[in-house]
Amino acid sequence: MNKSIIAALCLISVGGFSYLAFGFGQQSVTVDSQASIPTASLTGEESNNHNTNNEARLLALPPELRAEINQLRTELNESKQEQDAMREELTALQDQLSNIENNLEYETLTTNEQSLSQENNTLLPTATQTTRTNNNTFGFNRLSDEDRTASLRAAGVDDQTIASITERSDQFALARLELIDRATREGDRGSEEFHEELEELEESRVNIRDEIGDDAYDQYLINAGRDNRVVINSIINGSAASIAGIQTGDLIYSYAGSRIFTTAELQRATREGSRGEYIEVEVISSDGGQQFYSIERGPMGVTLGSVLNVDAQ
């Protein structure tokens, strides 16, 4: 895009200086314009006049330049429509994810208490493990308020803290519903303003782990029947995990000093800090013992899964 087109776009969309020259090939055109007021601050009649003046300035330009500007306008409008559609889709996906996080406390689980071999990528012969069923009927269940309270209480959380967590969680859920309802009614679900408000609201979401601490949170997950360990399902030869000595079937207990409960937490941890620095990974091995490995921060070169390990350390 040449500088003359950029200058013309600036004039038409935001006004510009009192005199602005446009170059097109060997020809130049000087257009007299006055600094314009942003359209959003104008009344309906003033806005119409503002747009009319801009169109008049456009007509004063060479035909070739007008055609290019109109083409750019069309492309910008199409891009905006595509962006709005993508935002709508992103919002829908965020809604689905939030529903899963808020409402789906555990999947249909099958319990396996047998001693299984490391070659079969199974875990801890001395610990009770649960694995997800392979069918497509997930059987998601919502943990009732009573069961959630009981699970927290059994983890040693006092009633005052439980009441505070419940109250603030309910306030967050209601505020989110109101925001989404308002934006949907006003047709703003794809706007930047809506997503900024949603991101700001997400900062107030209650994080139970932060509220009660790692040890109590671990026990809460066990009480609620939710996965609490990340398992190494396979390891790429020559990868950081392979070089460090981590084994298939190991459970990741901590990474760089931070407890790990989900695959997402481990993936985030590997991307933090300085790439290549050596950190310590604590694992629970297949015999139930704890092992410590020094590993380079970055991609571990493994595939991950999640399990429920009732033998909390």
C-alpha atoms as a PDB file:
ATOM      1  CA  MET A   1       0.000   0.000   0.000  1.00  0.00           C
ATOM      2  CA  ASN A   2       1.556   3.393  -0.973  1.00  0.00           C
ATOM      3  CA  LYS A   3       1.764   6.364   1.368  1.00  0.00           C
ATOM      4  CA  SER A   4      -0.839   8.334  -0.586  1.00  0.00           C
ATOM      5  CA  ILE A   5      -3.509   5.718   0.134  1.00  0.00           C
ATOM      6  CA  ILE A   6      -2.648   5.707   3.829  1.00  0.00           C
ATOM      7  CA  ALA A   7      -2.855   9.499   3.932  1.00  0.00           C
ATOM      8  CA  ALA A   8      -6.212   9.465   2.172  1.00  0.00           C
ATOM      9  CA  LEU A   9      -7.594   6.939   4.597  1.00  0.00           C
ATOM     10  CA  CYS A  10      -6.478   9.054   7.533  1.00  0.00           C
ATOM     11  CA  LEU A  11      -8.200  12.100   6.053  1.00  0.00           C
ATOM     12  CA  ILE A  12     -11.476  10.334   5.414  1.00  0.00           C
ATOM     13  CA  SER A  13     -11.706   8.392   8.631  1.00  0.00           C
ATOM     14  CA  VAL A  14     -10.363  10.849  11.212  1.00  0.00           C
ATOM     15  CA  GLY A  15     -10.095  14.216   9.556  1.00  0.00           C
ATOM     16  CA  GLY A  16      -6.422  15.159   9.466  1.00  0.00           C
ATOM     17  CA  PHE A  17      -4.716  18.558   9.351  1.00  0.00           C
ATOM     18  CA  SER A  18      -5.982  21.765   7.759  1.00  0.00           C
ATOM     19  CA  TYR A  19      -4.173  21.004   4.524  1.00  0.00           C
ATOM     20  CA  LEU A  20      -3.075  17.551   3.515  1.00  0.00           C
ATOM     21  CA  ALA A  21      -1.394  16.558   0.233  1.00  0.00           C
ATOM     22  CA  PHE A  22      -2.004  13.209  -1.448  1.00  0.00           C
ATOM     23  CA  GLY A  23       0.491  11.808  -3.926  1.00  0.00           C
ATOM     24  CA  PHE A  24      -0.630   9.418  -6.678  1.00  0.00           C
ATOM     25  CA  GLY A  25       2.008   8.442  -9.203  1.00  0.00           C
ATOM     26  CA  GLN A  26       3.313  11.695 -10.684  1.00  0.00           C
ATOM     27  CA  GLN A  27       0.124  13.529  -9.742  1.00  0.00           C
ATOM     28  CA  SER A  28      -0.590  15.166  -6.419  1.00  0.00           C
ATOM     29  CA  VAL A  29      -3.826  16.612  -5.077  1.00  0.00           C
ATOM     30  CA  THR A  30      -4.133  18.999  -2.146  1.00  0.00           C
ATOM     31  CA  VAL A  31      -7.388  18.766  -0.252  1.00  0.00           C
ATOM     32  CA  ASP A  32      -8.526  21.472   2.136  1.00  0.00           C
ATOM     33  CA  SER A  33      -9.946  19.867   5.281  1.00  0.00           C
ATOM     34  CA  GLN A  34     -10.748  20.946   8.790  1.00  0.00           C
ATOM     35  CA  ALA A  35      -9.966  18.786  11.799  1.00  0.00           C
ATOM     36  CA  SER A  36     -13.008  16.651  12.377  1.00  0.00           C
ATOM     37  CA  ILE A  37     -14.707  15.701  15.638  1.00  0.00           C
ATOM     38  CA  PRO A  38     -14.990  11.979  16.313  1.00  0.00           C
ATOM     39  CA  THR A  39     -18.295  10.735  14.946  1.00  0.00           C
ATOM     40  CA  ALA A  40     -19.223   9.104  18.249  1.00  0.00           C
ATOM     41  CA  SER A  41     -19.455  12.571  19.908  1.00  0.00           C
ATOM     42  CA  LEU A  42     -21.730  14.101  17.230  1.00  0.00           C
ATOM     43  CA  THR A  43     -25.493  14.352  17.129  1.00  0.00           C
ATOM     44  CA  GLY A  44     -27.381  12.533  14.385  1.00  0.00           C
ATOM     45  CA  GLU A  45     -27.570  15.575  12.101  1.00  0.00           C
ATOM     46  CA  GLU A  46     -23.946  16.557  12.754  1.00  0.00           C
ATOM     47  CA  SER A  47     -22.844  13.016  12.075  1.00  0.00           C
ATOM     48  CA  ASN A  48     -24.655  12.994   8.731  1.00  0.00           C
ATOM     49  CA  ASN A  49     -22.989  16.276   7.780  1.00  0.00           C
ATOM     50  CA  HIS A  50     -19.633  14.887   8.876  1.00  0.00           C
ATOM     51  CA  ASN A  51     -20.058  11.822   6.666  1.00  0.00           C
ATOM     52  CA  THR A  52     -21.257  13.969   3.749  1.00  0.00           C
ATOM     53  CA  ASN A  53     -18.161  16.155   4.020  1.00  0.00           C
ATOM     54  CA  ASN A  54     -15.913  13.098   4.030  1.00  0.00           C
ATOM     55  CA  GLU A  55     -17.629  11.754   0.910  1.00  0.00           C
ATOM     56  CA  ALA A  56     -17.158  15.116  -0.766  1.00  0.00           C
ATOM     57  CA  ARG A  57     -13.448  15.011   0.006  1.00  0.00           C
ATOM     58  CA  LEU A  58     -13.307  11.512  -1.421  1.00  0.00           C
ATOM     59  CA  LEU A  59     -14.887  12.664  -4.679  1.00  0.00           C
ATOM     60  CA  ALA A  60     -12.151  15.296  -5.020  1.00  0.00           C
ATOM     61  CA  LEU A  61      -9.506  12.609  -5.269  1.00  0.00           C
ATOM     62  CA  PRO A  62      -8.316  10.996  -8.516  1.00  0.00           C
ATOM     63  CA  PRO A  63     -10.578   8.117  -9.697  1.00  0.00           C
ATOM     64  CA  GLU A  64      -7.826   5.527  -9.292  1.00  0.00           C
ATOM     65  CA  LEU A  65      -7.226   6.552  -5.679  1.00  0.00           C
ATOM     66  CA  ARG A  66     -10.982   6.597  -4.929  1.00  0.00           C
ATOM     67  CA  ALA A  67     -11.297   3.079  -6.283  1.00  0.00           C
ATOM     68  CA  GLU A  68      -8.448   1.839  -4.094  1.00  0.00           C
ATOM     69  CA  ILE A  69      -9.900   3.538  -1.009  1.00  0.00           C
ATOM     70  CA  ASN A  70     -13.347   2.060  -1.648  1.00  0.00           C
ATOM     71  CA  GLN A  71     -11.769  -1.368  -2.072  1.00  0.00           C
ATOM     72  CA  LEU A  72      -9.960  -0.935   1.232  1.00  0.00           C
ATOM     73  CA  ARG A  73     -13.209   0.103   2.895  1.00  0.00           C
ATOM     74  CA  THR A  74     -14.870  -3.040   1.615  1.00  0.00           C
ATOM     75  CA  GLU A  75     -12.019  -5.219   2.845  1.00  0.00           C
ATOM     76  CA  LEU A  76     -12.082  -3.527   6.252  1.00  0.00           C
ATOM     77  CA  ASN A  77     -15.823  -4.124   6.598  1.00  0.00           C
ATOM     78  CA  GLU A  78     -15.426  -7.764   5.606  1.00  0.00           C
ATOM     79  CA  SER A  79     -12.589  -8.179   8.095  1.00  0.00           C
ATOM     80  CA  LYS A  80     -14.700  -6.624  10.845  1.00  0.00           C
ATOM     81  CA  GLN A  81     -17.571  -8.990  10.076  1.00  0.00           C
ATOM     82  CA  GLU A  82     -15.197 -11.965  10.210  1.00  0.00           C
ATOM     83  CA  GLN A  83     -13.739 -10.693  13.484  1.00  0.00           C
ATOM     84  CA  ASP A  84     -17.205 -10.277  15.017  1.00  0.00           C
ATOM     85  CA  ALA A  85     -18.127 -13.822  13.953  1.00  0.00           C
ATOM     86  CA  MET A  86     -14.929 -15.193  15.483  1.00  0.00           C
ATOM     87  CA  ARG A  87     -15.629 -13.332  18.720  1.00  0.00           C
ATOM     88  CA  GLU A  88     -19.116 -14.815  18.845  1.00  0.00           C
ATOM     89  CA  GLU A  89     -17.644 -18.284  18.368  1.00  0.00           C
ATOM     90  CA  LEU A  90     -14.989 -17.628  21.019  1.00  0.00           C
ATOM     91  CA  THR A  91     -17.633 -16.454  23.480  1.00  0.00           C
ATOM     92  CA  ALA A  92     -19.668 -19.603  22.861  1.00  0.00           C
ATOM     93  CA  LEU A  93     -16.583 -21.750  23.483  1.00  0.00           C
ATOM     94  CA  GLN A  94     -15.809 -19.785  26.652  1.00  0.00           C
ATOM     95  CA  ASP A  95     -19.363 -20.387  27.826  1.00  0.00           C
ATOM     96  CA  GLN A  96     -18.994 -24.115  27.230  1.00  0.00           C
ATOM     97  CA  LEU A  97     -15.683 -24.193  29.096  1.00  0.00           C
ATOM     98  CA  SER A  98     -17.111 -22.213  31.993  1.00  0.00           C
ATOM     99  CA  ASN A  99     -20.073 -24.568  32.222  1.00  0.00           C
ATOM    100  CA  ILE A 100     -17.712 -27.530  32.357  1.00  0.00           C
ATOM    101  CA  GLU A 101     -15.576 -25.884  35.042  1.00  0.00           C
ATOM    102  CA  ASN A 102     -18.517 -24.707  37.131  1.00  0.00           C
ATOM    103  CA  ASN A 103     -21.026 -27.495  36.760  1.00  0.00           C
ATOM    104  CA  LEU A 104     -19.201 -30.693  35.951  1.00  0.00           C
ATOM    105  CA  GLU A 105     -17.473 -31.921  39.026  1.00  0.00           C
ATOM    106  CA  TYR A 106     -16.483 -35.376  37.919  1.00  0.00           C
ATOM    107  CA  GLU A 107     -16.913 -37.848  35.099  1.00  0.00           C
ATOM    108  CA  THR A 108     -18.238 -41.365  35.298  1.00  0.00           C
ATOM    109  CA  LEU A 109     -15.290 -43.217  36.754  1.00  0.00           C
ATOM    110  CA  THR A 110     -14.311 -46.823  37.057  1.00  0.00           C
ATOM    111  CA  THR A 111     -12.122 -47.895  39.958  1.00  0.00           C
ATOM    112  CA  ASN A 112      -9.160 -50.160  39.450  1.00  0.00           C
ATOM    113  CA  GLU A 113      -7.408 -51.352  42.622  1.00  0.00           C
ATOM    114  CA  GLN A 114      -5.251 -54.038  41.007  1.00  0.00           C
ATOM    115  CA  SER A 115      -1.491 -54.012  40.730  1.00  0.00           C
ATOM    116  CA  LEU A 116      -0.816 -53.289  37.049  1.00  0.00           C
ATOM    117  CA  SER A 117       2.457 -53.229  35.183  1.00  0.00           C
ATOM    118  CA  GLN A 118       4.366 -50.146  34.162  1.00  0.00           C
ATOM    119  CA  GLU A 119       4.546 -51.492  30.593  1.00  0.00           C
ATOM    120  CA  ASN A 120       0.760 -50.997  30.338  1.00  0.00           C
ATOM    121  CA  ASN A 121       1.143 -47.322  31.385  1.00  0.00           C
ATOM    122  CA  THR A 122      -0.844 -47.924  34.551  1.00  0.00           C
ATOM    123  CA  LEU A 123      -0.053 -46.564  37.925  1.00  0.00           C
ATOM    124  CA  LEU A 124       0.859 -47.097  41.514  1.00  0.00           C
ATOM    125  CA  PRO A 125       0.201 -50.711  42.423  1.00  0.00           C
ATOM    126  CA  THR A 126      -0.144 -49.640  46.060  1.00  0.00           C
ATOM    127  CA  ALA A 127      -2.653 -46.863  45.383  1.00  0.00           C
ATOM    128  CA  THR A 128      -6.266 -46.817  44.327  1.00  0.00           C
ATOM    129  CA  GLN A 129      -6.488 -45.266  40.858  1.00  0.00           C
ATOM    130  CA  THR A 130      -9.481 -44.228  38.786  1.00  0.00           C
ATOM    131  CA  THR A 131      -9.575 -43.873  35.019  1.00  0.00           C
ATOM    132  CA  ARG A 132     -12.128 -42.428  32.649  1.00  0.00           C
ATOM    133  CA  THR A 133     -14.435 -44.738  30.773  1.00  0.00           C
ATOM    134  CA  ASN A 134     -13.800 -44.993  27.049  1.00  0.00           C
ATOM    135  CA  ASN A 135     -17.401 -44.650  25.925  1.00  0.00           C
ATOM    136  CA  ASN A 136     -18.817 -41.404  24.600  1.00  0.00           C
ATOM    137  CA  THR A 137     -21.474 -41.112  27.268  1.00  0.00           C
ATOM    138  CA  PHE A 138     -19.421 -39.148  29.739  1.00  0.00           C
ATOM    139  CA  GLY A 139     -22.062 -39.182  32.476  1.00  0.00           C
ATOM    140  CA  PHE A 140     -21.068 -35.753  33.794  1.00  0.00           C
ATOM    141  CA  ASN A 141     -22.438 -35.120  37.259  1.00  0.00           C
ATOM    142  CA  ARG A 142     -22.682 -31.888  39.198  1.00  0.00           C
ATOM    143  CA  LEU A 143     -21.466 -32.045  42.778  1.00  0.00           C
ATOM    144  CA  SER A 144     -24.352 -30.819  44.931  1.00  0.00           C
ATOM    145  CA  ASP A 145     -23.861 -27.885  47.290  1.00  0.00           C
ATOM    146  CA  GLU A 146     -24.161 -30.293  50.203  1.00  0.00           C
ATOM    147  CA  ASP A 147     -21.538 -32.668  48.782  1.00  0.00           C
ATOM    148  CA  ARG A 148     -19.181 -29.799  47.973  1.00  0.00           C
ATOM    149  CA  THR A 149     -19.520 -28.461  51.484  1.00  0.00           C
ATOM    150  CA  ALA A 150     -18.941 -31.941  52.907  1.00  0.00           C
ATOM    151  CA  SER A 151     -15.857 -32.440  50.711  1.00  0.00           C
ATOM    152  CA  LEU A 152     -14.376 -29.126  51.823  1.00  0.00           C
ATOM    153  CA  ARG A 153     -15.177 -29.771  55.468  1.00  0.00           C
ATOM    154  CA  ALA A 154     -13.601 -33.236  55.265  1.00  0.00           C
ATOM    155  CA  ALA A 155     -10.468 -31.550  53.882  1.00  0.00           C
ATOM    156  CA  GLY A 156     -10.228 -29.512  57.076  1.00  0.00           C
ATOM    157  CA  VAL A 157     -11.737 -26.278  55.756  1.00  0.00           C
ATOM    158  CA  ASP A 158     -13.685 -24.338  58.402  1.00  0.00           C
ATOM    159  CA  ASP A 159     -17.343 -23.430  57.941  1.00  0.00           C
ATOM    160  CA  GLN A 160     -16.663 -19.687  57.743  1.00  0.00           C
ATOM    161  CA  THR A 161     -14.264 -20.152  54.813  1.00  0.00           C
ATOM    162  CA  ILE A 162     -16.686 -22.533  53.098  1.00  0.00           C
ATOM    163  CA  ALA A 163     -19.514 -19.990  53.449  1.00  0.00           C
ATOM    164  CA  SER A 164     -17.294 -17.225  52.045  1.00  0.00           C
ATOM    165  CA  ILE A 165     -16.237 -19.368  49.059  1.00  0.00           C
ATOM    166  CA  THR A 166     -19.859 -20.306  48.344  1.00  0.00           C
ATOM    167  CA  GLU A 167     -21.146 -16.740  48.611  1.00  0.00           C
ATOM    168  CA  ARG A 168     -18.487 -15.237  46.348  1.00  0.00           C
ATOM    169  CA  SER A 169     -18.796 -18.073  43.841  1.00  0.00           C
ATOM    170  CA  ASP A 170     -22.539 -17.443  43.611  1.00  0.00           C
ATOM    171  CA  GLN A 171     -21.966 -13.698  43.188  1.00  0.00           C
ATOM    172  CA  PHE A 172     -19.504 -14.356  40.365  1.00  0.00           C
ATOM    173  CA  ALA A 173     -21.873 -16.778  38.622  1.00  0.00           C
ATOM    174  CA  LEU A 174     -24.791 -14.316  38.801  1.00  0.00           C
ATOM    175  CA  ALA A 175     -22.662 -11.404  37.583  1.00  0.00           C
ATOM    176  CA  ARG A 176     -21.442 -13.457  34.641  1.00  0.00           C
ATOM    177  CA  LEU A 177     -24.967 -14.502  33.718  1.00  0.00           C
ATOM    178  CA  GLU A 178     -26.135 -10.870  33.864  1.00  0.00           C
ATOM    179  CA  LEU A 179     -23.238  -9.676  31.715  1.00  0.00           C
ATOM    180  CA  ILE A 180     -23.841 -12.321  29.057  1.00  0.00           C
ATOM    181  CA  ASP A 181     -27.613 -11.722  29.078  1.00  0.00           C
ATOM    182  CA  ARG A 182     -27.192  -7.957  28.674  1.00  0.00           C
ATOM    183  CA  ALA A 183     -24.635  -8.309  25.892  1.00  0.00           C
ATOM    184  CA  THR A 184     -26.814 -10.850  24.074  1.00  0.00           C
ATOM    185  CA  ARG A 185     -29.895  -8.626  24.248  1.00  0.00           C
ATOM    186  CA  GLU A 186     -27.920  -5.616  22.994  1.00  0.00           C
ATOM    187  CA  GLY A 187     -26.120  -7.603  20.290  1.00  0.00           C
ATOM    188  CA  ASP A 188     -22.708  -6.870  21.804  1.00  0.00           C
ATOM    189  CA  ARG A 189     -21.456 -10.422  22.337  1.00  0.00           C
ATOM    190  CA  GLY A 190     -18.809  -9.895  19.647  1.00  0.00           C
ATOM    191  CA  SER A 191     -17.633  -6.488  20.822  1.00  0.00           C
ATOM    192  CA  GLU A 192     -14.266  -5.706  22.395  1.00  0.00           C
ATOM    193  CA  GLU A 193     -16.055  -4.008  25.282  1.00  0.00           C
ATOM    194  CA  PHE A 194     -17.911  -7.210  26.169  1.00  0.00           C
ATOM    195  CA  HIS A 195     -14.745  -9.297  26.134  1.00  0.00           C
ATOM    196  CA  GLU A 196     -12.886  -6.727  28.217  1.00  0.00           C
ATOM    197  CA  GLU A 197     -15.705  -6.768  30.784  1.00  0.00           C
ATOM    198  CA  LEU A 198     -15.728 -10.563  30.748  1.00  0.00           C
ATOM    199  CA  GLU A 199     -11.965 -10.752  31.272  1.00  0.00           C
ATOM    200  CA  GLU A 200     -12.206  -8.242  34.126  1.00  0.00           C
ATOM    201  CA  LEU A 201     -15.009 -10.257  35.716  1.00  0.00           C
ATOM    202  CA  GLU A 202     -13.025 -13.503  35.372  1.00  0.00           C
ATOM    203  CA  GLU A 203     -10.404 -12.014  37.678  1.00  0.00           C
ATOM    204  CA  SER A 204     -12.963 -12.207  40.496  1.00  0.00           C
ATOM    205  CA  ARG A 205     -13.636 -15.926  39.987  1.00  0.00           C
ATOM    206  CA  VAL A 206     -13.001 -17.785  43.247  1.00  0.00           C
ATOM    207  CA  ASN A 207      -9.976 -20.088  43.100  1.00  0.00           C
ATOM    208  CA  ILE A 208     -10.582 -22.742  45.750  1.00  0.00           C
ATOM    209  CA  ARG A 209      -6.942 -23.831  45.681  1.00  0.00           C
ATOM    210  CA  ASP A 210      -5.751 -20.320  46.519  1.00  0.00           C
ATOM    211  CA  GLU A 211      -8.387 -20.048  49.231  1.00  0.00           C
ATOM    212  CA  ILE A 212      -7.557 -23.232  51.159  1.00  0.00           C
ATOM    213  CA  GLY A 213      -3.960 -24.105  50.211  1.00  0.00           C
ATOM    214  CA  ASP A 214      -2.431 -26.972  48.271  1.00  0.00           C
ATOM    215  CA  ASP A 215      -2.697 -29.746  50.858  1.00  0.00           C
ATOM    216  CA  ALA A 216      -6.337 -29.083  51.699  1.00  0.00           C
ATOM    217  CA  TYR A 217      -7.132 -28.667  47.999  1.00  0.00           C
ATOM    218  CA  ASP A 218      -5.551 -32.033  47.237  1.00  0.00           C
ATOM    219  CA  GLN A 219      -7.712 -33.690  49.877  1.00  0.00           C
ATOM    220  CA  TYR A 220     -10.784 -31.811  48.623  1.00  0.00           C
ATOM    221  CA  LEU A 221     -10.246 -33.220  45.113  1.00  0.00           C
ATOM    222  CA  ILE A 222      -9.979 -36.715  46.562  1.00  0.00           C
ATOM    223  CA  ASN A 223     -13.141 -36.242  48.642  1.00  0.00           C
ATOM    224  CA  ALA A 224     -14.978 -34.940  45.570  1.00  0.00           C
ATOM    225  CA  GLY A 225     -13.779 -37.822  43.386  1.00  0.00           C
ATOM    226  CA  ARG A 226     -11.891 -35.545  41.014  1.00  0.00           C
ATOM    227  CA  ASP A 227      -8.542 -36.162  39.317  1.00  0.00           C
ATOM    228  CA  ASN A 228      -5.647 -34.796  41.361  1.00  0.00           C
ATOM    229  CA  ARG A 229      -2.519 -36.068  39.590  1.00  0.00           C
ATOM    230  CA  VAL A 230      -0.938 -35.706  36.153  1.00  0.00           C
ATOM    231  CA  VAL A 231       0.394 -38.958  34.714  1.00  0.00           C
ATOM    232  CA  ILE A 232       3.138 -39.501  32.131  1.00  0.00           C
ATOM    233  CA  ASN A 233       1.530 -41.708  29.472  1.00  0.00           C
ATOM    234  CA  SER A 234       4.446 -41.804  27.030  1.00  0.00           C
ATOM    235  CA  ILE A 235       7.888 -40.269  26.566  1.00  0.00           C
ATOM    236  CA  ILE A 236       9.665 -39.254  23.360  1.00  0.00           C
ATOM    237  CA  ASN A 237      13.171 -40.682  23.075  1.00  0.00           C
ATOM    238  CA  GLY A 238      15.811 -37.978  23.426  1.00  0.00           C
ATOM    239  CA  SER A 239      13.392 -35.539  25.060  1.00  0.00           C
ATOM    240  CA  ALA A 240      14.092 -33.581  28.245  1.00  0.00           C
ATOM    241  CA  ALA A 241      12.006 -36.037  30.275  1.00  0.00           C
ATOM    242  CA  SER A 242      13.818 -39.007  28.761  1.00  0.00           C
ATOM    243  CA  ILE A 243      17.260 -37.511  29.439  1.00  0.00           C
ATOM    244  CA  ALA A 244      16.279 -36.661  33.026  1.00  0.00           C
ATOM    245  CA  GLY A 245      15.196 -40.254  33.693  1.00  0.00           C
ATOM    246  CA  ILE A 246      11.456 -39.737  34.147  1.00  0.00           C
ATOM    247  CA  GLN A 247       9.514 -42.933  33.504  1.00  0.00           C
ATOM    248  CA  THR A 248       6.227 -43.776  31.829  1.00  0.00           C
ATOM    249  CA  GLY A 249       3.602 -44.114  34.561  1.00  0.00           C
ATOM    250  CA  ASP A 250       5.204 -41.532  36.863  1.00  0.00           C
ATOM    251  CA  LEU A 251       2.859 -39.048  38.494  1.00  0.00           C
ATOM    252  CA  ILE A 252       3.978 -35.412  38.459  1.00  0.00           C
ATOM    253  CA  TYR A 253       3.726 -34.110  42.029  1.00  0.00           C
ATOM    254  CA  SER A 254       5.489 -30.753  41.609  1.00  0.00           C
ATOM    255  CA  TYR A 255       7.374 -28.779  38.975  1.00  0.00           C
ATOM    256  CA  ALA A 256       9.921 -26.081  39.924  1.00  0.00           C
ATOM    257  CA  GLY A 257       8.559 -26.090  43.463  1.00  0.00           C
ATOM    258  CA  SER A 258       4.905 -25.650  42.508  1.00  0.00           C
ATOM    259  CA  ARG A 259       2.355 -28.378  43.133  1.00  0.00           C
ATOM    260  CA  ILE A 260       0.730 -29.762  39.997  1.00  0.00           C
ATOM    261  CA  PHE A 261      -2.893 -30.954  39.905  1.00  0.00           C
ATOM    262  CA  THR A 262      -3.844 -30.618  36.220  1.00  0.00           C
ATOM    263  CA  THR A 263      -2.216 -31.007  32.813  1.00  0.00           C
ATOM    264  CA  ALA A 264      -2.896 -27.327  32.105  1.00  0.00           C
ATOM    265  CA  GLU A 265      -0.926 -26.323  35.199  1.00  0.00           C
ATOM    266  CA  LEU A 266       2.048 -28.429  34.107  1.00  0.00           C
ATOM    267  CA  GLN A 267       1.949 -27.046  30.565  1.00  0.00           C
ATOM    268  CA  ARG A 268       1.876 -23.464  31.894  1.00  0.00           C
ATOM    269  CA  ALA A 269       4.751 -24.187  34.276  1.00  0.00           C
ATOM    270  CA  THR A 270       6.988 -25.482  31.468  1.00  0.00           C
ATOM    271  CA  ARG A 271       6.491 -22.178  29.612  1.00  0.00           C
ATOM    272  CA  GLU A 272       7.364 -19.963  32.572  1.00  0.00           C
ATOM    273  CA  GLY A 273      10.839 -18.866  33.618  1.00  0.00           C
ATOM    274  CA  SER A 274      13.860 -19.045  31.321  1.00  0.00           C
ATOM    275  CA  ARG A 275      13.992 -21.698  28.628  1.00  0.00           C
ATOM    276  CA  GLY A 276      16.781 -24.156  29.309  1.00  0.00           C
ATOM    277  CA  GLU A 277      17.236 -23.409  33.017  1.00  0.00           C
ATOM    278  CA  TYR A 278      17.344 -26.508  35.192  1.00  0.00           C
ATOM    279  CA  ILE A 279      14.491 -26.996  37.645  1.00  0.00           C
ATOM    280  CA  GLU A 280      13.420 -29.848  39.919  1.00  0.00           C
ATOM    281  CA  VAL A 281      10.517 -32.153  39.140  1.00  0.00           C
ATOM    282  CA  GLU A 282       9.104 -34.290  41.929  1.00  0.00           C
ATOM    283  CA  VAL A 283       7.262 -37.443  40.855  1.00  0.00           C
ATOM    284  CA  ILE A 284       5.520 -40.388  42.473  1.00  0.00           C
ATOM    285  CA  SER A 285       6.980 -43.478  40.860  1.00  0.00           C
ATOM    286  CA  SER A 286       5.196 -46.723  40.053  1.00  0.00           C
ATOM    287  CA  ASP A 287       6.273 -48.280  43.355  1.00  0.00           C
ATOM    288  CA  GLY A 288       4.697 -45.430  45.305  1.00  0.00           C
ATOM    289  CA  GLY A 289       7.983 -43.736  46.203  1.00  0.00           C
ATOM    290  CA  GLN A 290       8.933 -40.120  45.560  1.00  0.00           C
ATOM    291  CA  GLN A 291      11.708 -39.292  43.109  1.00  0.00           C
ATOM    292  CA  PHE A 292      13.372 -35.984  42.231  1.00  0.00           C
ATOM    293  CA  TYR A 293      14.713 -35.169  38.766  1.00  0.00           C
ATOM    294  CA  SER A 294      16.645 -32.217  37.396  1.00  0.00           C
ATOM    295  CA  ILE A 295      15.228 -31.222  34.024  1.00  0.00           C
ATOM    296  CA  GLU A 296      15.543 -28.353  31.570  1.00  0.00           C
ATOM    297  CA  ARG A 297      12.565 -26.011  31.635  1.00  0.00           C
ATOM    298  CA  GLY A 298      10.625 -26.173  28.397  1.00  0.00           C
ATOM    299  CA  PRO A 299       8.778 -28.910  26.503  1.00  0.00           C
ATOM    300  CA  MET A 300       9.184 -32.188  28.377  1.00  0.00           C
ATOM    301  CA  GLY A 301       8.481 -34.358  25.336  1.00  0.00           C
ATOM    302  CA  VAL A 302       5.719 -36.417  26.925  1.00  0.00           C
ATOM    303  CA  THR A 303       2.025 -37.139  26.538  1.00  0.00           C
ATOM    304  CA  LEU A 304      -0.053 -36.504  29.624  1.00  0.00           C
ATOM    305  CA  GLY A 305      -3.160 -37.806  31.303  1.00  0.00           C
ATOM    306  CA  SER A 306      -4.901 -37.233  34.627  1.00  0.00           C
ATOM    307  CA  VAL A 307      -5.878 -39.656  37.376  1.00  0.00           C
ATOM    308  CA  LEU A 308      -7.305 -39.737  40.855  1.00  0.00           C
ATOM    309  CA  ASN A 309      -4.683 -40.861  43.363  1.00  0.00           C
ATOM    310  CA  VAL A 310      -6.257 -41.356  46.797  1.00  0.00           C
ATOM    311  CA  ASP A 311      -2.875 -41.734  48.508  1.00  0.00           C
ATOM    312  CA  ALA A 312      -2.269 -38.004  48.859  1.00  0.00           C
ATOM    313  CA  GLN A 313       1.294 -37.237  49.900  1.00  0.00           C
END
